[in-house]
Amino acid sequence: MQFKVLSALAFATLAAATVAPVRRGGGGGAPASQCNTGDLQCCSSVQSATSSSVAGLLGLLGVVVGSVTGLVGVTCSPISVIGVGGNSCSAQPVCCTNNSFNGLVALGCTPVNLNL
């Protein structure tokens, strides 16, 4: 009888102490669990589409710079959901809406915080 009571109390304590991610306003980016705009990517750099190096790269790919919204990720690879907890990205983690360039560039990127 006491074991059941102690087990129920321990379970309730653990359930109450479970950490849940909270979305914060400001410049921290969206939490990885909120990456609903596209795929979670790890990019070596993230820049504006109007920067000279990115604009040149986009021009070579036939992408009109004026049509790009958001940031552009350069040399990107996908991050699996399993890898999020292990901080598998040592560069720039971002959510991107268009990664159809085989990882060379990803368009429409938004920074994310993997440490939530």
PDB file of N, CA and C in Angstrom:
ATOM      1  N   MET A   1       0.828  -1.184   0.000  1.00  0.00           N
ATOM      2  CA  MET A   1       0.000   0.000   0.000  1.00  0.00           C
ATOM      3  C   MET A   1       0.873   1.249   0.000  1.00  0.00           C
ATOM      4  N   GLN A   2       1.887   1.283   0.892  1.00  0.00           N
ATOM      5  CA  GLN A   2       2.754   2.455   0.956  1.00  0.00           C
ATOM      6  C   GLN A   2       3.562   2.603  -0.331  1.00  0.00           C
ATOM      7  N   PHE A   3       3.914   1.475  -0.943  1.00  0.00           N
ATOM      8  CA  PHE A   3       4.675   1.530  -2.187  1.00  0.00           C
ATOM      9  C   PHE A   3       3.869   2.230  -3.286  1.00  0.00           C
ATOM     10  N   LYS A   4       2.562   1.947  -3.362  1.00  0.00           N
ATOM     11  CA  LYS A   4       1.712   2.582  -4.364  1.00  0.00           C
ATOM     12  C   LYS A   4       1.623   4.082  -4.138  1.00  0.00           C
ATOM     13  N   VAL A   5       1.501   4.488  -2.891  1.00  0.00           N
ATOM     14  CA  VAL A   5       1.409   5.913  -2.567  1.00  0.00           C
ATOM     15  C   VAL A   5       2.721   6.612  -2.906  1.00  0.00           C
ATOM     16  N   LEU A   6       3.846   5.997  -2.526  1.00  0.00           N
ATOM     17  CA  LEU A   6       5.151   6.588  -2.821  1.00  0.00           C
ATOM     18  C   LEU A   6       5.410   6.639  -4.328  1.00  0.00           C
ATOM     19  N   SER A   7       5.000   5.605  -5.042  1.00  0.00           N
ATOM     20  CA  SER A   7       5.175   5.590  -6.494  1.00  0.00           C
ATOM     21  C   SER A   7       4.361   6.697  -7.154  1.00  0.00           C
ATOM     22  N   ALA A   8       3.123   6.859  -6.721  1.00  0.00           N
ATOM     23  CA  ALA A   8       2.273   7.906  -7.282  1.00  0.00           C
ATOM     24  C   ALA A   8       2.835   9.290  -6.973  1.00  0.00           C
ATOM     25  N   LEU A   9       3.330   9.484  -5.766  1.00  0.00           N
ATOM     26  CA  LEU A   9       3.922  10.762  -5.375  1.00  0.00           C
ATOM     27  C   LEU A   9       5.185  11.045  -6.188  1.00  0.00           C
ATOM     28  N   ALA A  10       6.028  10.036  -6.379  1.00  0.00           N
ATOM     29  CA  ALA A  10       7.253  10.208  -7.168  1.00  0.00           C
ATOM     30  C   ALA A  10       6.920  10.540  -8.620  1.00  0.00           C
ATOM     31  N   PHE A  11       5.931   9.863  -9.180  1.00  0.00           N
ATOM     32  CA  PHE A  11       5.525  10.128 -10.558  1.00  0.00           C
ATOM     33  C   PHE A  11       4.993  11.553 -10.707  1.00  0.00           C
ATOM     34  N   ALA A  12       4.168  11.990  -9.766  1.00  0.00           N
ATOM     35  CA  ALA A  12       3.619  13.347  -9.814  1.00  0.00           C
ATOM     36  C   ALA A  12       4.726  14.391  -9.702  1.00  0.00           C
ATOM     37  N   THR A  13       5.716  14.128  -8.858  1.00  0.00           N
ATOM     38  CA  THR A  13       6.839  15.057  -8.697  1.00  0.00           C
ATOM     39  C   THR A  13       7.645  15.152  -9.985  1.00  0.00           C
ATOM     40  N   LEU A  14       7.911  14.011 -10.617  1.00  0.00           N
ATOM     41  CA  LEU A  14       8.655  14.020 -11.877  1.00  0.00           C
ATOM     42  C   LEU A  14       7.884  14.728 -12.981  1.00  0.00           C
ATOM     43  N   ALA A  15       6.595  14.509 -13.039  1.00  0.00           N
ATOM     44  CA  ALA A  15       5.781  15.159 -14.063  1.00  0.00           C
ATOM     45  C   ALA A  15       5.773  16.672 -13.876  1.00  0.00           C
ATOM     46  N   ALA A  16       5.721  17.124 -12.650  1.00  0.00           N
ATOM     47  CA  ALA A  16       5.716  18.561 -12.374  1.00  0.00           C
ATOM     48  C   ALA A  16       7.073  19.190 -12.636  1.00  0.00           C
ATOM     49  N   ALA A  17       8.140  18.420 -12.521  1.00  0.00           N
ATOM     50  CA  ALA A  17       9.490  18.956 -12.685  1.00  0.00           C
ATOM     51  C   ALA A  17      10.002  18.860 -14.116  1.00  0.00           C
ATOM     52  N   THR A  18       9.210  18.322 -15.033  1.00  0.00           N
ATOM     53  CA  THR A  18       9.641  18.187 -16.419  1.00  0.00           C
ATOM     54  C   THR A  18       9.776  19.559 -17.057  1.00  0.00           C
ATOM     55  N   VAL A  19      10.892  19.774 -17.762  1.00  0.00           N
ATOM     56  CA  VAL A  19      11.155  21.050 -18.410  1.00  0.00           C
ATOM     57  C   VAL A  19      10.479  21.071 -19.767  1.00  0.00           C
ATOM     58  N   ALA A  20       9.781  22.142 -20.040  1.00  0.00           N
ATOM     59  CA  ALA A  20       9.154  22.330 -21.339  1.00  0.00           C
ATOM     60  C   ALA A  20       9.733  23.584 -21.973  1.00  0.00           C
ATOM     61  N   PRO A  21      10.046  23.553 -23.292  1.00  0.00           N
ATOM     62  CA  PRO A  21      10.596  24.746 -23.929  1.00  0.00           C
ATOM     63  C   PRO A  21       9.581  25.870 -23.950  1.00  0.00           C
ATOM     64  N   VAL A  22      10.052  27.076 -23.707  1.00  0.00           N
ATOM     65  CA  VAL A  22       9.207  28.255 -23.691  1.00  0.00           C
ATOM     66  C   VAL A  22       9.715  29.199 -24.762  1.00  0.00           C
ATOM     67  N   ARG A  23       8.841  29.671 -25.606  1.00  0.00           N
ATOM     68  CA  ARG A  23       9.236  30.615 -26.640  1.00  0.00           C
ATOM     69  C   ARG A  23       9.431  31.977 -26.006  1.00  0.00           C
ATOM     70  N   ARG A  24      10.603  32.530 -26.248  1.00  0.00           N
ATOM     71  CA  ARG A  24      10.925  33.837 -25.694  1.00  0.00           C
ATOM     72  C   ARG A  24      10.923  34.858 -26.811  1.00  0.00           C
ATOM     73  N   GLY A  25      10.469  36.049 -26.529  1.00  0.00           N
ATOM     74  CA  GLY A  25      10.566  37.123 -27.499  1.00  0.00           C
ATOM     75  C   GLY A  25      11.997  37.602 -27.569  1.00  0.00           C
ATOM     76  N   GLY A  26      12.325  38.301 -28.620  1.00  0.00           N
ATOM     77  CA  GLY A  26      13.674  38.844 -28.712  1.00  0.00           C
ATOM     78  C   GLY A  26      14.498  38.147 -29.760  1.00  0.00           C
ATOM     79  N   GLY A  27      15.821  38.276 -29.633  1.00  0.00           N
ATOM     80  CA  GLY A  27      16.725  37.862 -30.688  1.00  0.00           C
ATOM     81  C   GLY A  27      17.279  36.471 -30.580  1.00  0.00           C
ATOM     82  N   GLY A  28      16.708  35.592 -29.819  1.00  0.00           N
ATOM     83  CA  GLY A  28      17.268  34.258 -29.681  1.00  0.00           C
ATOM     84  C   GLY A  28      16.906  33.308 -30.797  1.00  0.00           C
ATOM     85  N   GLY A  29      16.035  33.712 -31.706  1.00  0.00           N
ATOM     86  CA  GLY A  29      15.595  32.800 -32.743  1.00  0.00           C
ATOM     87  C   GLY A  29      14.518  31.874 -32.206  1.00  0.00           C
ATOM     88  N   ALA A  30      13.912  31.132 -33.102  1.00  0.00           N
ATOM     89  CA  ALA A  30      12.861  30.201 -32.706  1.00  0.00           C
ATOM     90  C   ALA A  30      13.481  28.942 -32.130  1.00  0.00           C
ATOM     91  N   PRO A  31      12.817  28.316 -31.161  1.00  0.00           N
ATOM     92  CA  PRO A  31      13.343  27.044 -30.670  1.00  0.00           C
ATOM     93  C   PRO A  31      13.262  25.991 -31.763  1.00  0.00           C
ATOM     94  N   ALA A  32      14.164  25.020 -31.706  1.00  0.00           N
ATOM     95  CA  ALA A  32      14.226  23.983 -32.737  1.00  0.00           C
ATOM     96  C   ALA A  32      12.902  23.249 -32.877  1.00  0.00           C
ATOM     97  N   SER A  33      12.155  23.114 -31.784  1.00  0.00           N
ATOM     98  CA  SER A  33      10.874  22.416 -31.849  1.00  0.00           C
ATOM     99  C   SER A  33       9.831  23.226 -32.612  1.00  0.00           C
ATOM    100  N   GLN A  34      10.084  24.508 -32.866  1.00  0.00           N
ATOM    101  CA  GLN A  34       9.151  25.369 -33.571  1.00  0.00           C
ATOM    102  C   GLN A  34       9.568  25.600 -35.019  1.00  0.00           C
ATOM    103  N   CYS A  35      10.370  24.736 -35.587  1.00  0.00           N
ATOM    104  CA  CYS A  35      10.862  24.888 -36.957  1.00  0.00           C
ATOM    105  C   CYS A  35       9.779  24.453 -37.924  1.00  0.00           C
ATOM    106  N   ASN A  36       8.702  25.240 -38.009  1.00  0.00           N
ATOM    107  CA  ASN A  36       7.592  24.870 -38.871  1.00  0.00           C
ATOM    108  C   ASN A  36       7.634  25.599 -40.207  1.00  0.00           C
ATOM    109  N   THR A  37       8.691  26.389 -40.450  1.00  0.00           N
ATOM    110  CA  THR A  37       8.810  27.089 -41.721  1.00  0.00           C
ATOM    111  C   THR A  37       9.598  26.291 -42.744  1.00  0.00           C
ATOM    112  N   GLY A  38      10.214  25.222 -42.351  1.00  0.00           N
ATOM    113  CA  GLY A  38      11.014  24.420 -43.265  1.00  0.00           C
ATOM    114  C   GLY A  38      11.873  23.447 -42.494  1.00  0.00           C
ATOM    115  N   ASP A  39      12.942  22.991 -43.133  1.00  0.00           N
ATOM    116  CA  ASP A  39      13.818  22.006 -42.520  1.00  0.00           C
ATOM    117  C   ASP A  39      14.867  22.657 -41.635  1.00  0.00           C
ATOM    118  N   LEU A  40      15.244  21.961 -40.584  1.00  0.00           N
ATOM    119  CA  LEU A  40      16.310  22.407 -39.695  1.00  0.00           C
ATOM    120  C   LEU A  40      17.642  22.104 -40.363  1.00  0.00           C
ATOM    121  N   GLN A  41      18.472  23.128 -40.524  1.00  0.00           N
ATOM    122  CA  GLN A  41      19.740  23.015 -41.236  1.00  0.00           C
ATOM    123  C   GLN A  41      20.884  23.540 -40.380  1.00  0.00           C
ATOM    124  N   CYS A  42      22.083  23.043 -40.639  1.00  0.00           N
ATOM    125  CA  CYS A  42      23.306  23.556 -40.031  1.00  0.00           C
ATOM    126  C   CYS A  42      24.138  24.143 -41.164  1.00  0.00           C
ATOM    127  N   CYS A  43      24.336  25.461 -41.155  1.00  0.00           N
ATOM    128  CA  CYS A  43      25.024  26.146 -42.250  1.00  0.00           C
ATOM    129  C   CYS A  43      26.345  26.726 -41.768  1.00  0.00           C
ATOM    130  N   SER A  44      27.356  26.692 -42.639  1.00  0.00           N
ATOM    131  CA  SER A  44      28.664  27.226 -42.259  1.00  0.00           C
ATOM    132  C   SER A  44      28.606  28.731 -42.056  1.00  0.00           C
ATOM    133  N   SER A  45      27.720  29.417 -42.784  1.00  0.00           N
ATOM    134  CA  SER A  45      27.494  30.845 -42.550  1.00  0.00           C
ATOM    135  C   SER A  45      26.080  31.194 -42.974  1.00  0.00           C
ATOM    136  N   VAL A  46      25.561  32.268 -42.403  1.00  0.00           N
ATOM    137  CA  VAL A  46      24.231  32.768 -42.733  1.00  0.00           C
ATOM    138  C   VAL A  46      24.381  34.260 -42.999  1.00  0.00           C
ATOM    139  N   GLN A  47      23.950  34.692 -44.184  1.00  0.00           N
ATOM    140  CA  GLN A  47      24.141  36.079 -44.584  1.00  0.00           C
ATOM    141  C   GLN A  47      22.903  36.608 -45.281  1.00  0.00           C
ATOM    142  N   SER A  48      22.882  37.921 -45.472  1.00  0.00           N
ATOM    143  CA  SER A  48      21.822  38.563 -46.231  1.00  0.00           C
ATOM    144  C   SER A  48      21.976  38.217 -47.707  1.00  0.00           C
ATOM    145  N   ALA A  49      20.866  38.136 -48.412  1.00  0.00           N
ATOM    146  CA  ALA A  49      20.913  37.825 -49.843  1.00  0.00           C
ATOM    147  C   ALA A  49      21.595  38.932 -50.629  1.00  0.00           C
ATOM    148  N   THR A  50      21.646  40.132 -50.063  1.00  0.00           N
ATOM    149  CA  THR A  50      22.249  41.255 -50.772  1.00  0.00           C
ATOM    150  C   THR A  50      23.749  41.385 -50.535  1.00  0.00           C
ATOM    151  N   SER A  51      24.326  40.555 -49.667  1.00  0.00           N
ATOM    152  CA  SER A  51      25.779  40.614 -49.481  1.00  0.00           C
ATOM    153  C   SER A  51      26.446  40.186 -50.789  1.00  0.00           C
ATOM    154  N   SER A  52      27.598  40.772 -51.090  1.00  0.00           N
ATOM    155  CA  SER A  52      28.220  40.564 -52.404  1.00  0.00           C
ATOM    156  C   SER A  52      28.548  39.094 -52.682  1.00  0.00           C
ATOM    157  N   SER A  53      29.070  38.381 -51.693  1.00  0.00           N
ATOM    158  CA  SER A  53      29.434  36.980 -51.935  1.00  0.00           C
ATOM    159  C   SER A  53      28.205  36.108 -52.167  1.00  0.00           C
ATOM    160  N   VAL A  54      27.156  36.314 -51.388  1.00  0.00           N
ATOM    161  CA  VAL A  54      25.935  35.519 -51.546  1.00  0.00           C
ATOM    162  C   VAL A  54      25.207  35.906 -52.828  1.00  0.00           C
ATOM    163  N   ALA A  55      25.157  37.206 -53.138  1.00  0.00           N
ATOM    164  CA  ALA A  55      24.487  37.644 -54.365  1.00  0.00           C
ATOM    165  C   ALA A  55      25.162  37.035 -55.594  1.00  0.00           C
ATOM    166  N   GLY A  56      26.493  36.967 -55.585  1.00  0.00           N
ATOM    167  CA  GLY A  56      27.206  36.345 -56.695  1.00  0.00           C
ATOM    168  C   GLY A  56      26.893  34.866 -56.818  1.00  0.00           C
ATOM    169  N   LEU A  57      26.849  34.176 -55.690  1.00  0.00           N
ATOM    170  CA  LEU A  57      26.536  32.747 -55.676  1.00  0.00           C
ATOM    171  C   LEU A  57      25.108  32.497 -56.155  1.00  0.00           C
ATOM    172  N   LEU A  58      24.172  33.324 -55.685  1.00  0.00           N
ATOM    173  CA  LEU A  58      22.779  33.178 -56.115  1.00  0.00           C
ATOM    174  C   LEU A  58      22.642  33.449 -57.608  1.00  0.00           C
ATOM    175  N   GLY A  59      23.401  34.427 -58.115  1.00  0.00           N
ATOM    176  CA  GLY A  59      23.381  34.722 -59.542  1.00  0.00           C
ATOM    177  C   GLY A  59      23.845  33.533 -60.371  1.00  0.00           C
ATOM    178  N   LEU A  60      24.894  32.847 -59.912  1.00  0.00           N
ATOM    179  CA  LEU A  60      25.382  31.657 -60.616  1.00  0.00           C
ATOM    180  C   LEU A  60      24.341  30.540 -60.640  1.00  0.00           C
ATOM    181  N   LEU A  61      23.505  30.494 -59.602  1.00  0.00           N
ATOM    182  CA  LEU A  61      22.464  29.465 -59.516  1.00  0.00           C
ATOM    183  C   LEU A  61      21.176  29.875 -60.225  1.00  0.00           C
ATOM    184  N   GLY A  62      21.144  31.109 -60.749  1.00  0.00           N
ATOM    185  CA  GLY A  62      19.954  31.586 -61.445  1.00  0.00           C
ATOM    186  C   GLY A  62      18.853  32.067 -60.526  1.00  0.00           C
ATOM    187  N   VAL A  63      19.182  32.377 -59.278  1.00  0.00           N
ATOM    188  CA  VAL A  63      18.192  32.863 -58.318  1.00  0.00           C
ATOM    189  C   VAL A  63      18.195  34.387 -58.351  1.00  0.00           C
ATOM    190  N   VAL A  64      17.032  34.997 -58.524  1.00  0.00           N
ATOM    191  CA  VAL A  64      16.909  36.450 -58.513  1.00  0.00           C
ATOM    192  C   VAL A  64      16.998  36.922 -57.068  1.00  0.00           C
ATOM    193  N   VAL A  65      18.004  37.757 -56.785  1.00  0.00           N
ATOM    194  CA  VAL A  65      18.264  38.196 -55.409  1.00  0.00           C
ATOM    195  C   VAL A  65      17.063  38.919 -54.820  1.00  0.00           C
ATOM    196  N   GLY A  66      16.364  39.716 -55.615  1.00  0.00           N
ATOM    197  CA  GLY A  66      15.213  40.472 -55.117  1.00  0.00           C
ATOM    198  C   GLY A  66      14.065  39.599 -54.649  1.00  0.00           C
ATOM    199  N   SER A  67      14.001  38.362 -55.127  1.00  0.00           N
ATOM    200  CA  SER A  67      12.900  37.477 -54.735  1.00  0.00           C
ATOM    201  C   SER A  67      13.181  36.706 -53.450  1.00  0.00           C
ATOM    202  N   VAL A  68      14.395  36.820 -52.920  1.00  0.00           N
ATOM    203  CA  VAL A  68      14.772  36.066 -51.722  1.00  0.00           C
ATOM    204  C   VAL A  68      14.349  36.836 -50.479  1.00  0.00           C
ATOM    205  N   THR A  69      13.566  36.182 -49.620  1.00  0.00           N
ATOM    206  CA  THR A  69      13.196  36.782 -48.334  1.00  0.00           C
ATOM    207  C   THR A  69      13.908  36.017 -47.228  1.00  0.00           C
ATOM    208  N   GLY A  70      14.263  36.714 -46.187  1.00  0.00           N
ATOM    209  CA  GLY A  70      14.977  36.081 -45.083  1.00  0.00           C
ATOM    210  C   GLY A  70      16.456  35.976 -45.389  1.00  0.00           C
ATOM    211  N   LEU A  71      17.148  35.245 -44.569  1.00  0.00           N
ATOM    212  CA  LEU A  71      18.589  35.071 -44.708  1.00  0.00           C
ATOM    213  C   LEU A  71      18.907  33.906 -45.636  1.00  0.00           C
ATOM    214  N   VAL A  72      20.157  33.852 -46.074  1.00  0.00           N
ATOM    215  CA  VAL A  72      20.617  32.769 -46.939  1.00  0.00           C
ATOM    216  C   VAL A  72      21.688  31.992 -46.192  1.00  0.00           C
ATOM    217  N   GLY A  73      21.495  30.696 -46.072  1.00  0.00           N
ATOM    218  CA  GLY A  73      22.493  29.831 -45.466  1.00  0.00           C
ATOM    219  C   GLY A  73      23.427  29.298 -46.537  1.00  0.00           C
ATOM    220  N   VAL A  74      24.719  29.251 -46.228  1.00  0.00           N
ATOM    221  CA  VAL A  74      25.723  28.782 -47.184  1.00  0.00           C
ATOM    222  C   VAL A  74      26.351  27.498 -46.654  1.00  0.00           C
ATOM    223  N   THR A  75      26.501  26.523 -47.509  1.00  0.00           N
ATOM    224  CA  THR A  75      27.044  25.200 -47.201  1.00  0.00           C
ATOM    225  C   THR A  75      26.288  24.588 -46.022  1.00  0.00           C
ATOM    226  N   CYS A  76      25.079  24.140 -46.298  1.00  0.00           N
ATOM    227  CA  CYS A  76      24.175  23.647 -45.257  1.00  0.00           C
ATOM    228  C   CYS A  76      24.007  22.130 -45.328  1.00  0.00           C
ATOM    229  N   SER A  77      23.754  21.555 -44.173  1.00  0.00           N
ATOM    230  CA  SER A  77      23.431  20.134 -44.088  1.00  0.00           C
ATOM    231  C   SER A  77      22.272  19.972 -43.112  1.00  0.00           C
ATOM    232  N   PRO A  78      21.415  18.983 -43.337  1.00  0.00           N
ATOM    233  CA  PRO A  78      20.257  18.800 -42.454  1.00  0.00           C
ATOM    234  C   PRO A  78      20.663  18.339 -41.058  1.00  0.00           C
ATOM    235  N   ILE A  79      19.882  18.757 -40.075  1.00  0.00           N
ATOM    236  CA  ILE A  79      20.053  18.310 -38.690  1.00  0.00           C
ATOM    237  C   ILE A  79      18.859  17.437 -38.370  1.00  0.00           C
ATOM    238  N   SER A  80      19.110  16.227 -37.904  1.00  0.00           N
ATOM    239  CA  SER A  80      18.003  15.350 -37.540  1.00  0.00           C
ATOM    240  C   SER A  80      17.467  15.766 -36.175  1.00  0.00           C
ATOM    241  N   VAL A  81      16.216  15.400 -35.908  1.00  0.00           N
ATOM    242  CA  VAL A  81      15.613  15.698 -34.611  1.00  0.00           C
ATOM    243  C   VAL A  81      16.392  15.008 -33.509  1.00  0.00           C
ATOM    244  N   ILE A  82      16.923  13.821 -33.803  1.00  0.00           N
ATOM    245  CA  ILE A  82      17.721  13.093 -32.817  1.00  0.00           C
ATOM    246  C   ILE A  82      18.991  13.860 -32.496  1.00  0.00           C
ATOM    247  N   GLY A  83      19.569  14.510 -33.503  1.00  0.00           N
ATOM    248  CA  GLY A  83      20.813  15.241 -33.311  1.00  0.00           C
ATOM    249  C   GLY A  83      20.661  16.542 -32.565  1.00  0.00           C
ATOM    250  N   VAL A  84      19.441  17.057 -32.428  1.00  0.00           N
ATOM    251  CA  VAL A  84      19.234  18.347 -31.780  1.00  0.00           C
ATOM    252  C   VAL A  84      19.709  18.330 -30.337  1.00  0.00           C
ATOM    253  N   GLY A  85      19.393  17.306 -29.597  1.00  0.00           N
ATOM    254  CA  GLY A  85      19.789  17.246 -28.193  1.00  0.00           C
ATOM    255  C   GLY A  85      21.283  17.152 -27.999  1.00  0.00           C
ATOM    256  N   GLY A  86      21.981  16.614 -28.981  1.00  0.00           N
ATOM    257  CA  GLY A  86      23.422  16.451 -28.877  1.00  0.00           C
ATOM    258  C   GLY A  86      24.203  17.613 -29.439  1.00  0.00           C
ATOM    259  N   ASN A  87      23.521  18.714 -29.792  1.00  0.00           N
ATOM    260  CA  ASN A  87      24.178  19.875 -30.374  1.00  0.00           C
ATOM    261  C   ASN A  87      25.088  19.474 -31.524  1.00  0.00           C
ATOM    262  N   SER A  88      24.533  18.799 -32.516  1.00  0.00           N
ATOM    263  CA  SER A  88      25.325  18.308 -33.629  1.00  0.00           C
ATOM    264  C   SER A  88      25.749  19.407 -34.591  1.00  0.00           C
ATOM    265  N   CYS A  89      25.298  20.629 -34.392  1.00  0.00           N
ATOM    266  CA  CYS A  89      25.662  21.737 -35.269  1.00  0.00           C
ATOM    267  C   CYS A  89      26.625  22.661 -34.539  1.00  0.00           C
ATOM    268  N   SER A  90      27.846  22.749 -35.045  1.00  0.00           N
ATOM    269  CA  SER A  90      28.825  23.637 -34.416  1.00  0.00           C
ATOM    270  C   SER A  90      28.917  24.967 -35.153  1.00  0.00           C
ATOM    271  N   ALA A  91      28.070  25.176 -36.163  1.00  0.00           N
ATOM    272  CA  ALA A  91      28.077  26.419 -36.928  1.00  0.00           C
ATOM    273  C   ALA A  91      26.786  27.197 -36.665  1.00  0.00           C
ATOM    274  N   GLN A  92      25.981  27.442 -37.690  1.00  0.00           N
ATOM    275  CA  GLN A  92      24.763  28.237 -37.574  1.00  0.00           C
ATOM    276  C   GLN A  92      23.524  27.365 -37.775  1.00  0.00           C
ATOM    277  N   PRO A  93      22.783  27.033 -36.709  1.00  0.00           N
ATOM    278  CA  PRO A  93      21.535  26.288 -36.891  1.00  0.00           C
ATOM    279  C   PRO A  93      20.416  27.228 -37.338  1.00  0.00           C
ATOM    280  N   VAL A  94      19.714  26.852 -38.404  1.00  0.00           N
ATOM    281  CA  VAL A  94      18.658  27.683 -38.968  1.00  0.00           C
ATOM    282  C   VAL A  94      17.511  26.815 -39.473  1.00  0.00           C
ATOM    283  N   CYS A  95      16.329  27.416 -39.557  1.00  0.00           N
ATOM    284  CA  CYS A  95      15.185  26.821 -40.248  1.00  0.00           C
ATOM    285  C   CYS A  95      15.120  27.489 -41.613  1.00  0.00           C
ATOM    286  N   CYS A  96      15.071  26.709 -42.684  1.00  0.00           N
ATOM    287  CA  CYS A  96      15.072  27.267 -44.037  1.00  0.00           C
ATOM    288  C   CYS A  96      13.871  26.756 -44.820  1.00  0.00           C
ATOM    289  N   THR A  97      13.292  27.644 -45.641  1.00  0.00           N
ATOM    290  CA  THR A  97      12.118  27.270 -46.417  1.00  0.00           C
ATOM    291  C   THR A  97      12.471  26.613 -47.740  1.00  0.00           C
ATOM    292  N   ASN A  98      13.677  26.856 -48.265  1.00  0.00           N
ATOM    293  CA  ASN A  98      14.051  26.300 -49.564  1.00  0.00           C
ATOM    294  C   ASN A  98      15.495  25.823 -49.527  1.00  0.00           C
ATOM    295  N   ASN A  99      15.673  24.521 -49.538  1.00  0.00           N
ATOM    296  CA  ASN A  99      17.015  23.944 -49.565  1.00  0.00           C
ATOM    297  C   ASN A  99      17.128  23.002 -50.762  1.00  0.00           C
ATOM    298  N   SER A 100      16.757  23.499 -51.930  1.00  0.00           N
ATOM    299  CA  SER A 100      16.752  22.655 -53.127  1.00  0.00           C
ATOM    300  C   SER A 100      18.020  22.811 -53.964  1.00  0.00           C
ATOM    301  N   PHE A 101      19.106  23.237 -53.336  1.00  0.00           N
ATOM    302  CA  PHE A 101      20.366  23.441 -54.049  1.00  0.00           C
ATOM    303  C   PHE A 101      21.455  22.506 -53.527  1.00  0.00           C
ATOM    304  N   ASN A 102      21.063  21.316 -53.089  1.00  0.00           N
ATOM    305  CA  ASN A 102      21.996  20.279 -52.612  1.00  0.00           C
ATOM    306  C   ASN A 102      22.948  20.756 -51.527  1.00  0.00           C
ATOM    307  N   GLY A 103      22.476  21.636 -50.654  1.00  0.00           N
ATOM    308  CA  GLY A 103      23.285  22.082 -49.521  1.00  0.00           C
ATOM    309  C   GLY A 103      24.207  23.243 -49.819  1.00  0.00           C
ATOM    310  N   LEU A 104      24.319  23.639 -51.084  1.00  0.00           N
ATOM    311  CA  LEU A 104      25.183  24.772 -51.418  1.00  0.00           C
ATOM    312  C   LEU A 104      24.653  26.047 -50.781  1.00  0.00           C
ATOM    313  N   VAL A 105      23.368  26.313 -50.975  1.00  0.00           N
ATOM    314  CA  VAL A 105      22.701  27.430 -50.307  1.00  0.00           C
ATOM    315  C   VAL A 105      21.321  26.972 -49.858  1.00  0.00           C
ATOM    316  N   ALA A 106      20.808  27.635 -48.839  1.00  0.00           N
ATOM    317  CA  ALA A 106      19.436  27.424 -48.374  1.00  0.00           C
ATOM    318  C   ALA A 106      18.800  28.801 -48.247  1.00  0.00           C
ATOM    319  N   LEU A 107      17.596  28.950 -48.766  1.00  0.00           N
ATOM    320  CA  LEU A 107      16.939  30.255 -48.813  1.00  0.00           C
ATOM    321  C   LEU A 107      15.862  30.372 -47.744  1.00  0.00           C
ATOM    322  N   GLY A 108      15.584  31.620 -47.350  1.00  0.00           N
ATOM    323  CA  GLY A 108      14.526  31.884 -46.384  1.00  0.00           C
ATOM    324  C   GLY A 108      14.831  31.331 -45.008  1.00  0.00           C
ATOM    325  N   CYS A 109      16.042  31.556 -44.525  1.00  0.00           N
ATOM    326  CA  CYS A 109      16.479  30.971 -43.250  1.00  0.00           C
ATOM    327  C   CYS A 109      16.188  31.887 -42.065  1.00  0.00           C
ATOM    328  N   THR A 110      15.885  31.274 -40.943  1.00  0.00           N
ATOM    329  CA  THR A 110      15.662  31.953 -39.671  1.00  0.00           C
ATOM    330  C   THR A 110      16.512  31.261 -38.617  1.00  0.00           C
ATOM    331  N   PRO A 111      17.296  32.019 -37.832  1.00  0.00           N
ATOM    332  CA  PRO A 111      18.135  31.392 -36.797  1.00  0.00           C
ATOM    333  C   PRO A 111      17.296  30.665 -35.748  1.00  0.00           C
ATOM    334  N   VAL A 112      17.825  29.570 -35.221  1.00  0.00           N
ATOM    335  CA  VAL A 112      17.179  28.830 -34.135  1.00  0.00           C
ATOM    336  C   VAL A 112      18.173  28.621 -33.004  1.00  0.00           C
ATOM    337  N   ASN A 113      17.643  28.370 -31.823  1.00  0.00           N
ATOM    338  CA  ASN A 113      18.465  28.102 -30.650  1.00  0.00           C
ATOM    339  C   ASN A 113      18.318  26.628 -30.301  1.00  0.00           C
ATOM    340  N   LEU A 114      19.391  25.861 -30.448  1.00  0.00           N
ATOM    341  CA  LEU A 114      19.344  24.425 -30.150  1.00  0.00           C
ATOM    342  C   LEU A 114      19.508  24.125 -28.671  1.00  0.00           C
ATOM    343  N   ASN A 115      19.815  25.124 -27.866  1.00  0.00           N
ATOM    344  CA  ASN A 115      20.114  24.900 -26.449  1.00  0.00           C
ATOM    345  C   ASN A 115      18.915  25.108 -25.552  1.00  0.00           C
ATOM    346  N   LEU A 116      17.710  24.893 -26.042  1.00  0.00           N
ATOM    347  CA  LEU A 116      16.519  25.052 -25.198  1.00  0.00           C
ATOM    348  C   LEU A 116      16.163  23.750 -24.554  1.00  0.00           C
TER     349      LEU A 116
END
